Amino acid sequence: MNRLFSNDSNKKLKKEGIWKLSLPGGGITCPGSTIDCESICYAAKQCYRFSTTINRLAYNLELCKKPYVVDLMLDLISKNKIKMLRLPDSGDYFSRKFTNNILKVAENTDCFIYSYTKSHYLYKDIFDKLMRLPNFDMIKSFGGKHDKFIDTKKDKHAKVFDSIDSMNKAGYVDCTISDRKAIETESKKIGLILR
């Protein structure tokens, strides 16, 4: 069975009916990350460290490099009747080709696709096209190499906080337990509590 997309290993996403694409975290799959980012990387912790998970994520990464990945993704979205997809939920937009493939997928499905990313500046031309689509949303994540290109007044963006009090004082919406809330809120300020 092809496991490129799943909806069974992330409690928060499963509860909300959201499917996901997981890639290995850090290194080549996170070109916009920093050492600080990698030190708190959720994908490098917990179940993402088990050998079966590591192997599955490496398999997903290899599938994402295949010339047929767009057709595969569209087929999986259709067969599984996926309405909402977070991609990637670990790792990031690791190449121009991968990002362009996501554009092709989004242009050919009604599935709502969204991403948290630190790679927004690297592939800005492609992300600009994606953001014009009604079924795509991007949340630019602070803590990466390209933070200076995040316009906090215009761009939906995410910051990680140590506490709910510091998040509230900064005026951010707590989306720690709900990805749908992050997508549906009108606020540009998405707050997440450090786990």
N, C-alpha and C. Protein backbone atom coordinates (compact mmCIF):
# COMPACT_ATOMS: atom_id res chain seq x y z
N MET A 1 0.85 -1.20 0.00
CA MET A 1 0.00 0.00 0.00
C MET A 1 0.88 1.25 0.00
N ASN A 2 0.51 2.22 -0.79
CA ASN A 2 1.26 3.45 -0.85
C ASN A 2 0.93 4.33 0.35
N ARG A 3 1.95 4.77 1.08
CA ARG A 3 1.74 5.56 2.29
C ARG A 3 2.26 6.98 2.13
N LEU A 4 2.31 7.50 0.94
CA LEU A 4 2.81 8.86 0.75
C LEU A 4 2.02 9.85 1.59
N PHE A 5 0.71 9.72 1.59
CA PHE A 5 -0.16 10.53 2.45
C PHE A 5 -0.70 9.64 3.56
N SER A 6 -0.88 10.21 4.74
CA SER A 6 -1.49 9.44 5.82
C SER A 6 -2.39 10.35 6.65
N ASN A 7 -3.22 9.72 7.43
CA ASN A 7 -4.10 10.48 8.32
C ASN A 7 -4.22 9.80 9.67
N ASP A 8 -3.24 8.97 10.01
CA ASP A 8 -3.40 8.18 11.21
C ASP A 8 -2.32 8.36 12.29
N SER A 9 -1.29 9.14 12.05
CA SER A 9 -0.22 9.20 13.03
C SER A 9 -0.10 10.53 13.76
N ASN A 10 -0.81 11.54 13.35
CA ASN A 10 -0.77 12.83 14.01
C ASN A 10 -2.15 13.08 14.62
N LYS A 11 -2.23 13.01 15.95
CA LYS A 11 -3.53 13.10 16.63
C LYS A 11 -4.30 14.38 16.29
N LYS A 12 -3.58 15.49 16.27
CA LYS A 12 -4.23 16.78 15.99
C LYS A 12 -4.84 16.79 14.60
N LEU A 13 -4.08 16.35 13.60
CA LEU A 13 -4.58 16.37 12.23
C LEU A 13 -5.67 15.32 12.02
N LYS A 14 -5.50 14.15 12.59
CA LYS A 14 -6.48 13.07 12.44
C LYS A 14 -7.84 13.52 12.98
N LYS A 15 -7.83 14.15 14.14
CA LYS A 15 -9.07 14.63 14.77
C LYS A 15 -9.80 15.61 13.87
N GLU A 16 -9.05 16.37 13.08
CA GLU A 16 -9.65 17.39 12.22
C GLU A 16 -9.89 16.91 10.79
N GLY A 17 -9.62 15.63 10.53
CA GLY A 17 -9.85 15.08 9.19
C GLY A 17 -8.84 15.54 8.15
N ILE A 18 -7.65 15.87 8.60
CA ILE A 18 -6.61 16.40 7.72
C ILE A 18 -5.59 15.30 7.42
N TRP A 19 -5.29 15.12 6.15
CA TRP A 19 -4.24 14.20 5.73
C TRP A 19 -2.93 14.97 5.67
N LYS A 20 -1.83 14.23 5.58
CA LYS A 20 -0.52 14.88 5.59
C LYS A 20 0.48 14.12 4.74
N LEU A 21 1.49 14.84 4.32
CA LEU A 21 2.67 14.28 3.68
C LEU A 21 3.83 14.56 4.62
N SER A 22 4.51 13.51 5.06
CA SER A 22 5.65 13.66 5.97
C SER A 22 6.95 13.36 5.24
N LEU A 23 7.93 14.20 5.48
CA LEU A 23 9.28 14.02 4.93
C LEU A 23 10.27 14.03 6.10
N PRO A 24 11.48 13.55 5.88
CA PRO A 24 12.47 13.65 6.96
C PRO A 24 12.68 15.12 7.33
N GLY A 25 12.84 15.41 8.59
CA GLY A 25 13.07 16.78 9.04
C GLY A 25 14.55 17.12 9.03
N GLY A 26 14.85 18.40 8.83
CA GLY A 26 16.24 18.88 8.88
C GLY A 26 17.02 18.56 7.62
N GLY A 27 18.25 19.01 7.62
CA GLY A 27 19.15 18.71 6.52
C GLY A 27 18.63 19.17 5.17
N ILE A 28 18.70 18.28 4.17
CA ILE A 28 18.37 18.66 2.80
C ILE A 28 16.89 18.96 2.59
N THR A 29 16.02 18.48 3.48
CA THR A 29 14.59 18.74 3.27
C THR A 29 14.14 20.05 3.91
N CYS A 30 15.03 20.73 4.58
CA CYS A 30 14.68 22.01 5.23
C CYS A 30 15.70 23.08 4.87
N PRO A 31 15.73 23.52 3.61
CA PRO A 31 16.75 24.48 3.20
C PRO A 31 16.63 25.85 3.86
N GLY A 32 15.49 26.16 4.44
CA GLY A 32 15.31 27.46 5.09
C GLY A 32 15.54 27.42 6.59
N SER A 33 15.94 26.27 7.11
CA SER A 33 16.09 26.14 8.56
C SER A 33 17.45 26.66 9.03
N THR A 34 17.52 26.86 10.34
CA THR A 34 18.76 27.28 11.00
C THR A 34 19.12 26.24 12.05
N ILE A 35 20.27 26.39 12.66
CA ILE A 35 20.68 25.48 13.74
C ILE A 35 19.68 25.56 14.89
N ASP A 36 19.21 26.78 15.21
CA ASP A 36 18.22 26.93 16.28
C ASP A 36 16.93 26.18 15.95
N CYS A 37 16.50 26.30 14.70
CA CYS A 37 15.29 25.62 14.25
C CYS A 37 15.45 24.11 14.41
N GLU A 38 16.56 23.60 13.96
CA GLU A 38 16.78 22.15 14.02
C GLU A 38 16.90 21.65 15.45
N SER A 39 17.31 22.52 16.38
CA SER A 39 17.44 22.08 17.77
C SER A 39 16.08 21.87 18.44
N ILE A 40 15.03 22.53 17.94
CA ILE A 40 13.69 22.34 18.51
C ILE A 40 12.75 21.62 17.55
N CYS A 41 13.28 21.08 16.48
CA CYS A 41 12.48 20.45 15.42
C CYS A 41 11.64 19.30 15.96
N TYR A 42 10.33 19.43 15.80
CA TYR A 42 9.41 18.39 16.25
C TYR A 42 9.63 17.09 15.49
N ALA A 43 9.97 17.19 14.21
CA ALA A 43 10.17 15.99 13.39
C ALA A 43 11.40 15.20 13.83
N ALA A 44 12.31 15.83 14.53
CA ALA A 44 13.50 15.13 15.01
C ALA A 44 13.28 14.50 16.38
N LYS A 45 12.06 14.66 16.91
CA LYS A 45 11.74 14.14 18.24
C LYS A 45 10.65 13.08 18.15
N GLN A 46 10.37 12.49 19.25
CA GLN A 46 9.27 11.55 19.46
C GLN A 46 9.23 10.45 18.40
N CYS A 47 8.05 10.15 17.86
CA CYS A 47 7.89 9.00 16.97
C CYS A 47 8.68 9.13 15.67
N TYR A 48 9.08 10.33 15.31
CA TYR A 48 9.84 10.52 14.08
C TYR A 48 11.24 9.91 14.18
N ARG A 49 11.62 9.45 15.37
CA ARG A 49 12.94 8.87 15.57
C ARG A 49 12.94 7.34 15.48
N PHE A 50 11.77 6.72 15.40
CA PHE A 50 11.69 5.26 15.29
C PHE A 50 12.13 4.83 13.90
N SER A 51 12.80 3.68 13.81
CA SER A 51 13.35 3.23 12.53
C SER A 51 12.28 3.04 11.47
N THR A 52 11.10 2.54 11.84
CA THR A 52 10.05 2.35 10.83
C THR A 52 9.59 3.70 10.28
N THR A 53 9.52 4.70 11.14
CA THR A 53 9.11 6.04 10.69
C THR A 53 10.21 6.66 9.84
N ILE A 54 11.44 6.54 10.27
CA ILE A 54 12.57 7.09 9.51
C ILE A 54 12.57 6.49 8.10
N ASN A 55 12.36 5.17 8.00
CA ASN A 55 12.33 4.50 6.70
C ASN A 55 11.17 4.99 5.84
N ARG A 56 9.99 5.17 6.45
CA ARG A 56 8.82 5.63 5.70
C ARG A 56 9.04 7.05 5.17
N LEU A 57 9.63 7.92 6.01
CA LEU A 57 9.87 9.30 5.58
C LEU A 57 10.91 9.36 4.47
N ALA A 58 11.92 8.51 4.56
CA ALA A 58 12.93 8.45 3.49
C ALA A 58 12.29 7.93 2.20
N TYR A 59 11.38 6.97 2.32
CA TYR A 59 10.65 6.45 1.17
C TYR A 59 9.79 7.57 0.54
N ASN A 60 9.10 8.34 1.39
CA ASN A 60 8.30 9.46 0.90
C ASN A 60 9.15 10.47 0.14
N LEU A 61 10.32 10.77 0.68
CA LEU A 61 11.22 11.73 0.02
C LEU A 61 11.61 11.22 -1.36
N GLU A 62 11.95 9.94 -1.46
CA GLU A 62 12.32 9.38 -2.76
C GLU A 62 11.14 9.41 -3.73
N LEU A 63 9.93 9.10 -3.23
CA LEU A 63 8.74 9.18 -4.10
C LEU A 63 8.53 10.60 -4.61
N CYS A 64 8.79 11.59 -3.75
CA CYS A 64 8.59 12.99 -4.14
C CYS A 64 9.56 13.45 -5.22
N LYS A 65 10.60 12.69 -5.45
CA LYS A 65 11.58 13.01 -6.49
C LYS A 65 11.28 12.31 -7.81
N LYS A 66 10.30 11.42 -7.81
CA LYS A 66 9.99 10.64 -9.02
C LYS A 66 9.24 11.50 -10.04
N PRO A 67 9.42 11.22 -11.33
CA PRO A 67 8.75 12.01 -12.37
C PRO A 67 7.23 11.85 -12.36
N TYR A 68 6.73 10.80 -11.77
CA TYR A 68 5.29 10.54 -11.75
C TYR A 68 4.60 11.00 -10.46
N VAL A 69 5.29 11.76 -9.61
CA VAL A 69 4.75 12.09 -8.29
C VAL A 69 3.47 12.94 -8.38
N VAL A 70 3.35 13.82 -9.36
CA VAL A 70 2.13 14.64 -9.48
C VAL A 70 0.93 13.73 -9.72
N ASP A 71 1.05 12.81 -10.67
CA ASP A 71 -0.05 11.88 -10.94
C ASP A 71 -0.35 11.00 -9.73
N LEU A 72 0.70 10.57 -9.04
CA LEU A 72 0.51 9.76 -7.83
C LEU A 72 -0.26 10.53 -6.77
N MET A 73 0.13 11.77 -6.51
CA MET A 73 -0.55 12.58 -5.51
C MET A 73 -2.00 12.82 -5.88
N LEU A 74 -2.25 13.16 -7.13
CA LEU A 74 -3.63 13.40 -7.57
C LEU A 74 -4.47 12.13 -7.45
N ASP A 75 -3.88 10.99 -7.77
CA ASP A 75 -4.58 9.71 -7.64
C ASP A 75 -4.90 9.41 -6.17
N LEU A 76 -3.96 9.64 -5.28
CA LEU A 76 -4.19 9.39 -3.85
C LEU A 76 -5.25 10.33 -3.28
N ILE A 77 -5.22 11.59 -3.69
CA ILE A 77 -6.24 12.55 -3.25
C ILE A 77 -7.62 12.08 -3.68
N SER A 78 -7.72 11.64 -4.92
CA SER A 78 -9.00 11.17 -5.46
C SER A 78 -9.48 9.88 -4.79
N LYS A 79 -8.61 8.89 -4.72
CA LYS A 79 -8.99 7.58 -4.15
C LYS A 79 -9.38 7.68 -2.69
N ASN A 80 -8.69 8.52 -1.94
CA ASN A 80 -8.96 8.65 -0.51
C ASN A 80 -9.96 9.76 -0.18
N LYS A 81 -10.46 10.42 -1.24
CA LYS A 81 -11.42 11.53 -1.06
C LYS A 81 -10.90 12.56 -0.05
N ILE A 82 -9.64 12.93 -0.23
CA ILE A 82 -8.99 13.87 0.68
C ILE A 82 -9.50 15.28 0.41
N LYS A 83 -10.01 15.91 1.44
CA LYS A 83 -10.54 17.27 1.33
C LYS A 83 -9.53 18.33 1.79
N MET A 84 -8.65 17.94 2.74
CA MET A 84 -7.66 18.89 3.25
C MET A 84 -6.35 18.15 3.46
N LEU A 85 -5.26 18.78 2.99
CA LEU A 85 -3.94 18.15 3.02
C LEU A 85 -2.89 19.14 3.50
N ARG A 86 -2.16 18.74 4.53
CA ARG A 86 -1.03 19.55 4.99
C ARG A 86 0.24 18.94 4.41
N LEU A 87 0.96 19.75 3.69
CA LEU A 87 2.21 19.21 3.16
C LEU A 87 3.30 20.27 3.14
N PRO A 88 4.46 19.83 3.47
CA PRO A 88 4.70 18.67 4.32
C PRO A 88 4.44 19.01 5.78
N ASP A 89 4.15 18.00 6.58
CA ASP A 89 3.96 18.26 8.02
C ASP A 89 5.28 18.12 8.76
N SER A 90 6.25 17.50 8.12
CA SER A 90 7.64 17.48 8.60
C SER A 90 8.50 17.63 7.36
N GLY A 91 9.69 18.19 7.55
CA GLY A 91 10.47 18.57 6.38
C GLY A 91 9.90 19.87 5.83
N ASP A 92 10.29 20.23 4.61
CA ASP A 92 9.82 21.48 4.02
C ASP A 92 9.94 21.37 2.51
N TYR A 93 9.66 22.45 1.83
CA TYR A 93 9.80 22.49 0.38
C TYR A 93 11.30 22.45 0.09
N PHE A 94 11.78 21.28 -0.31
CA PHE A 94 13.22 21.03 -0.37
C PHE A 94 13.86 21.34 -1.71
N SER A 95 13.05 21.60 -2.74
CA SER A 95 13.63 21.91 -4.05
C SER A 95 12.62 22.68 -4.90
N ARG A 96 13.13 23.34 -5.90
CA ARG A 96 12.27 24.05 -6.85
C ARG A 96 11.34 23.07 -7.56
N LYS A 97 11.85 21.92 -7.96
CA LYS A 97 11.05 20.92 -8.66
C LYS A 97 9.90 20.43 -7.79
N PHE A 98 10.18 20.11 -6.53
CA PHE A 98 9.14 19.66 -5.62
C PHE A 98 8.07 20.74 -5.45
N THR A 99 8.50 21.98 -5.26
CA THR A 99 7.55 23.08 -5.08
C THR A 99 6.71 23.27 -6.34
N ASN A 100 7.31 23.18 -7.50
CA ASN A 100 6.56 23.28 -8.75
C ASN A 100 5.58 22.11 -8.91
N ASN A 101 5.97 20.93 -8.45
CA ASN A 101 5.06 19.78 -8.50
C ASN A 101 3.84 20.00 -7.61
N ILE A 102 4.04 20.64 -6.47
CA ILE A 102 2.90 20.94 -5.60
C ILE A 102 1.97 21.94 -6.29
N LEU A 103 2.53 22.89 -7.02
CA LEU A 103 1.71 23.82 -7.81
C LEU A 103 0.86 23.03 -8.81
N LYS A 104 1.45 22.08 -9.51
CA LYS A 104 0.71 21.28 -10.48
C LYS A 104 -0.41 20.49 -9.81
N VAL A 105 -0.13 19.94 -8.64
CA VAL A 105 -1.16 19.20 -7.90
C VAL A 105 -2.30 20.15 -7.52
N ALA A 106 -1.95 21.28 -6.92
CA ALA A 106 -2.97 22.24 -6.46
C ALA A 106 -3.82 22.76 -7.62
N GLU A 107 -3.22 22.92 -8.79
CA GLU A 107 -3.97 23.41 -9.97
C GLU A 107 -4.95 22.37 -10.50
N ASN A 108 -4.80 21.12 -10.09
CA ASN A 108 -5.61 20.05 -10.67
C ASN A 108 -6.45 19.28 -9.66
N THR A 109 -6.74 19.91 -8.53
CA THR A 109 -7.58 19.28 -7.52
C THR A 109 -8.39 20.35 -6.79
N ASP A 110 -9.48 19.92 -6.18
CA ASP A 110 -10.26 20.81 -5.31
C ASP A 110 -9.82 20.67 -3.86
N CYS A 111 -8.96 19.69 -3.58
CA CYS A 111 -8.45 19.48 -2.23
C CYS A 111 -7.77 20.76 -1.74
N PHE A 112 -8.07 21.14 -0.50
CA PHE A 112 -7.43 22.31 0.08
C PHE A 112 -6.06 21.90 0.61
N ILE A 113 -5.01 22.57 0.14
CA ILE A 113 -3.64 22.26 0.52
C ILE A 113 -3.07 23.45 1.28
N TYR A 114 -2.42 23.16 2.39
CA TYR A 114 -1.79 24.25 3.13
C TYR A 114 -0.44 23.80 3.68
N SER A 115 0.38 24.78 4.00
CA SER A 115 1.75 24.51 4.43
C SER A 115 2.21 25.55 5.43
N TYR A 116 2.98 25.08 6.40
CA TYR A 116 3.85 25.94 7.19
C TYR A 116 5.20 25.81 6.51
N THR A 117 5.89 26.91 6.25
CA THR A 117 7.17 26.79 5.55
C THR A 117 8.17 27.87 5.96
N LYS A 118 9.42 27.48 5.93
CA LYS A 118 10.52 28.43 6.08
C LYS A 118 11.23 28.61 4.73
N SER A 119 10.72 27.95 3.70
CA SER A 119 11.32 28.02 2.36
C SER A 119 10.62 29.03 1.46
N HIS A 120 9.75 29.85 2.01
CA HIS A 120 8.92 30.79 1.24
C HIS A 120 9.72 31.71 0.33
N TYR A 121 10.90 32.12 0.75
CA TYR A 121 11.68 33.05 -0.05
C TYR A 121 12.44 32.35 -1.18
N LEU A 122 12.84 31.10 -0.94
CA LEU A 122 13.64 30.37 -1.93
C LEU A 122 12.89 30.16 -3.24
N TYR A 123 11.59 29.90 -3.15
CA TYR A 123 10.78 29.60 -4.34
C TYR A 123 9.62 30.59 -4.45
N LYS A 124 9.92 31.85 -4.19
CA LYS A 124 8.89 32.89 -4.11
C LYS A 124 8.03 32.96 -5.37
N ASP A 125 8.63 32.82 -6.53
CA ASP A 125 7.86 32.90 -7.78
C ASP A 125 6.79 31.80 -7.86
N ILE A 126 7.13 30.61 -7.39
CA ILE A 126 6.16 29.51 -7.42
C ILE A 126 5.12 29.70 -6.32
N PHE A 127 5.56 30.11 -5.13
CA PHE A 127 4.61 30.35 -4.05
C PHE A 127 3.63 31.48 -4.41
N ASP A 128 4.09 32.48 -5.14
CA ASP A 128 3.18 33.55 -5.59
C ASP A 128 2.06 32.97 -6.44
N LYS A 129 2.38 32.02 -7.31
CA LYS A 129 1.35 31.36 -8.14
C LYS A 129 0.43 30.50 -7.28
N LEU A 130 1.02 29.79 -6.33
CA LEU A 130 0.21 28.95 -5.43
C LEU A 130 -0.78 29.80 -4.63
N MET A 131 -0.31 30.94 -4.14
CA MET A 131 -1.16 31.78 -3.29
C MET A 131 -2.31 32.42 -4.06
N ARG A 132 -2.26 32.41 -5.37
CA ARG A 132 -3.39 32.91 -6.17
C ARG A 132 -4.51 31.87 -6.30
N LEU A 133 -4.22 30.64 -5.93
CA LEU A 133 -5.21 29.57 -6.05
C LEU A 133 -6.14 29.58 -4.84
N PRO A 134 -7.43 29.31 -5.07
CA PRO A 134 -8.38 29.34 -3.95
C PRO A 134 -8.23 28.16 -2.99
N ASN A 135 -7.50 27.12 -3.39
CA ASN A 135 -7.38 25.92 -2.56
C ASN A 135 -5.97 25.76 -1.97
N PHE A 136 -5.26 26.87 -1.80
CA PHE A 136 -3.92 26.80 -1.21
C PHE A 136 -3.72 27.93 -0.22
N ASP A 137 -3.07 27.61 0.90
CA ASP A 137 -2.71 28.64 1.87
C ASP A 137 -1.32 28.31 2.42
N MET A 138 -0.58 29.35 2.70
CA MET A 138 0.77 29.21 3.23
C MET A 138 0.91 30.04 4.48
N ILE A 139 1.54 29.44 5.48
CA ILE A 139 1.87 30.14 6.71
C ILE A 139 3.40 30.18 6.79
N LYS A 140 3.93 31.38 6.71
CA LYS A 140 5.38 31.54 6.76
C LYS A 140 5.84 31.43 8.21
N SER A 141 6.77 30.52 8.45
CA SER A 141 7.22 30.25 9.81
C SER A 141 8.48 31.02 10.17
N PHE A 142 8.42 31.71 11.31
CA PHE A 142 9.61 32.38 11.83
C PHE A 142 10.56 31.34 12.41
N GLY A 143 11.82 31.71 12.47
CA GLY A 143 12.84 30.83 13.03
C GLY A 143 13.75 30.25 11.97
N GLY A 144 13.64 30.77 10.74
CA GLY A 144 14.46 30.26 9.65
C GLY A 144 15.41 31.31 9.11
N LYS A 145 16.04 30.99 8.00
CA LYS A 145 17.03 31.87 7.38
C LYS A 145 16.41 33.10 6.71
N HIS A 146 15.11 33.05 6.42
CA HIS A 146 14.49 34.09 5.60
C HIS A 146 13.45 34.92 6.36
N ASP A 147 13.62 35.00 7.67
CA ASP A 147 12.66 35.74 8.50
C ASP A 147 12.50 37.19 8.06
N LYS A 148 13.58 37.80 7.58
CA LYS A 148 13.52 39.22 7.21
C LYS A 148 12.58 39.47 6.02
N PHE A 149 12.20 38.41 5.32
CA PHE A 149 11.29 38.56 4.18
C PHE A 149 9.83 38.33 4.56
N ILE A 150 9.56 38.12 5.85
CA ILE A 150 8.18 37.95 6.31
C ILE A 150 7.64 39.32 6.70
N ASP A 151 6.58 39.75 6.03
CA ASP A 151 5.91 41.00 6.34
C ASP A 151 4.78 40.67 7.31
N THR A 152 4.97 40.96 8.59
CA THR A 152 4.01 40.55 9.61
C THR A 152 2.65 41.24 9.48
N LYS A 153 2.59 42.30 8.73
CA LYS A 153 1.30 42.97 8.52
C LYS A 153 0.51 42.36 7.35
N LYS A 154 1.22 41.80 6.36
CA LYS A 154 0.57 41.25 5.18
C LYS A 154 0.55 39.72 5.14
N ASP A 155 1.60 39.09 5.64
CA ASP A 155 1.76 37.64 5.50
C ASP A 155 1.20 36.89 6.69
N LYS A 156 0.44 35.83 6.43
CA LYS A 156 0.08 34.93 7.50
C LYS A 156 1.37 34.25 7.93
N HIS A 157 1.66 34.31 9.22
CA HIS A 157 2.94 33.81 9.70
C HIS A 157 2.77 33.15 11.07
N ALA A 158 3.72 32.30 11.39
CA ALA A 158 3.68 31.58 12.67
C ALA A 158 4.93 31.85 13.48
N LYS A 159 4.70 31.99 14.78
CA LYS A 159 5.80 32.11 15.73
C LYS A 159 5.57 31.07 16.83
N VAL A 160 6.67 30.55 17.34
CA VAL A 160 6.61 29.59 18.44
C VAL A 160 6.89 30.34 19.73
N PHE A 161 6.07 30.07 20.74
CA PHE A 161 6.19 30.74 22.04
C PHE A 161 6.44 29.72 23.14
N ASP A 162 7.06 30.19 24.22
CA ASP A 162 7.32 29.34 25.38
C ASP A 162 6.07 29.15 26.25
N SER A 163 5.15 30.11 26.18
CA SER A 163 3.96 30.03 27.03
C SER A 163 2.77 30.69 26.37
N ILE A 164 1.60 30.32 26.83
CA ILE A 164 0.36 30.93 26.34
C ILE A 164 0.32 32.42 26.72
N ASP A 165 0.88 32.76 27.87
CA ASP A 165 0.89 34.17 28.30
C ASP A 165 1.70 35.03 27.34
N SER A 166 2.90 34.55 26.96
CA SER A 166 3.71 35.35 26.04
C SER A 166 3.06 35.44 24.67
N MET A 167 2.35 34.39 24.26
CA MET A 167 1.63 34.41 22.99
C MET A 167 0.50 35.44 23.03
N ASN A 168 -0.27 35.40 24.09
CA ASN A 168 -1.39 36.34 24.22
C ASN A 168 -0.90 37.79 24.29
N LYS A 169 0.18 38.03 25.01
CA LYS A 169 0.72 39.39 25.11
C LYS A 169 1.18 39.92 23.76
N ALA A 170 1.66 39.02 22.90
CA ALA A 170 2.12 39.42 21.56
C ALA A 170 0.96 39.53 20.57
N GLY A 171 -0.25 39.13 20.99
CA GLY A 171 -1.42 39.26 20.13
C GLY A 171 -1.58 38.16 19.09
N TYR A 172 -1.05 36.97 19.35
CA TYR A 172 -1.14 35.85 18.42
C TYR A 172 -2.30 34.92 18.77
N VAL A 173 -2.88 34.31 17.75
CA VAL A 173 -3.97 33.35 17.92
C VAL A 173 -3.36 31.99 18.22
N ASP A 174 -3.80 31.35 19.30
CA ASP A 174 -3.26 30.04 19.68
C ASP A 174 -3.81 28.97 18.76
N CYS A 175 -2.96 28.42 17.92
CA CYS A 175 -3.34 27.35 16.98
C CYS A 175 -2.58 26.06 17.28
N THR A 176 -2.10 25.94 18.51
CA THR A 176 -1.32 24.77 18.90
C THR A 176 -2.08 23.48 18.72
N ILE A 177 -3.36 23.47 19.06
CA ILE A 177 -4.12 22.22 18.98
C ILE A 177 -5.05 22.15 17.78
N SER A 178 -5.02 23.14 16.91
CA SER A 178 -5.92 23.12 15.76
C SER A 178 -5.30 23.74 14.52
N ASP A 179 -5.02 22.90 13.53
CA ASP A 179 -4.56 23.43 12.25
C ASP A 179 -5.70 24.12 11.51
N ARG A 180 -6.91 23.61 11.65
CA ARG A 180 -8.06 24.27 10.99
C ARG A 180 -8.19 25.72 11.46
N LYS A 181 -7.97 25.94 12.74
CA LYS A 181 -8.04 27.30 13.28
C LYS A 181 -7.00 28.19 12.61
N ALA A 182 -5.81 27.65 12.37
CA ALA A 182 -4.75 28.42 11.72
C ALA A 182 -5.14 28.80 10.30
N ILE A 183 -5.84 27.92 9.62
CA ILE A 183 -6.26 28.18 8.24
C ILE A 183 -7.47 29.10 8.20
N GLU A 184 -8.40 28.90 9.11
CA GLU A 184 -9.68 29.63 9.06
C GLU A 184 -9.64 31.01 9.69
N THR A 185 -8.67 31.28 10.56
CA THR A 185 -8.63 32.59 11.22
C THR A 185 -8.32 33.70 10.22
N GLU A 186 -8.88 34.85 10.47
CA GLU A 186 -8.57 36.04 9.66
C GLU A 186 -7.25 36.68 10.09
N SER A 187 -6.79 36.31 11.28
CA SER A 187 -5.55 36.88 11.80
C SER A 187 -4.35 36.44 10.98
N LYS A 188 -3.38 37.31 10.86
CA LYS A 188 -2.11 36.96 10.21
C LYS A 188 -1.14 36.36 11.22
N LYS A 189 -1.50 36.39 12.51
CA LYS A 189 -0.59 36.01 13.58
C LYS A 189 -0.96 34.65 14.16
N ILE A 190 -0.23 33.62 13.75
CA ILE A 190 -0.47 32.26 14.20
C ILE A 190 0.54 31.93 15.30
N GLY A 191 0.03 31.57 16.45
CA GLY A 191 0.90 31.23 17.58
C GLY A 191 0.90 29.74 17.85
N LEU A 192 2.05 29.23 18.19
CA LEU A 192 2.21 27.81 18.53
C LEU A 192 3.04 27.73 19.81
N ILE A 193 2.66 26.82 20.70
CA ILE A 193 3.42 26.63 21.94
C ILE A 193 4.52 25.59 21.70
N LEU A 194 5.73 25.90 22.15
CA LEU A 194 6.84 24.98 22.04
C LEU A 194 6.54 23.71 22.80
N ARG A 195 6.69 22.56 22.13
CA ARG A 195 6.42 21.27 22.81
C ARG A 195 7.69 20.73 23.41
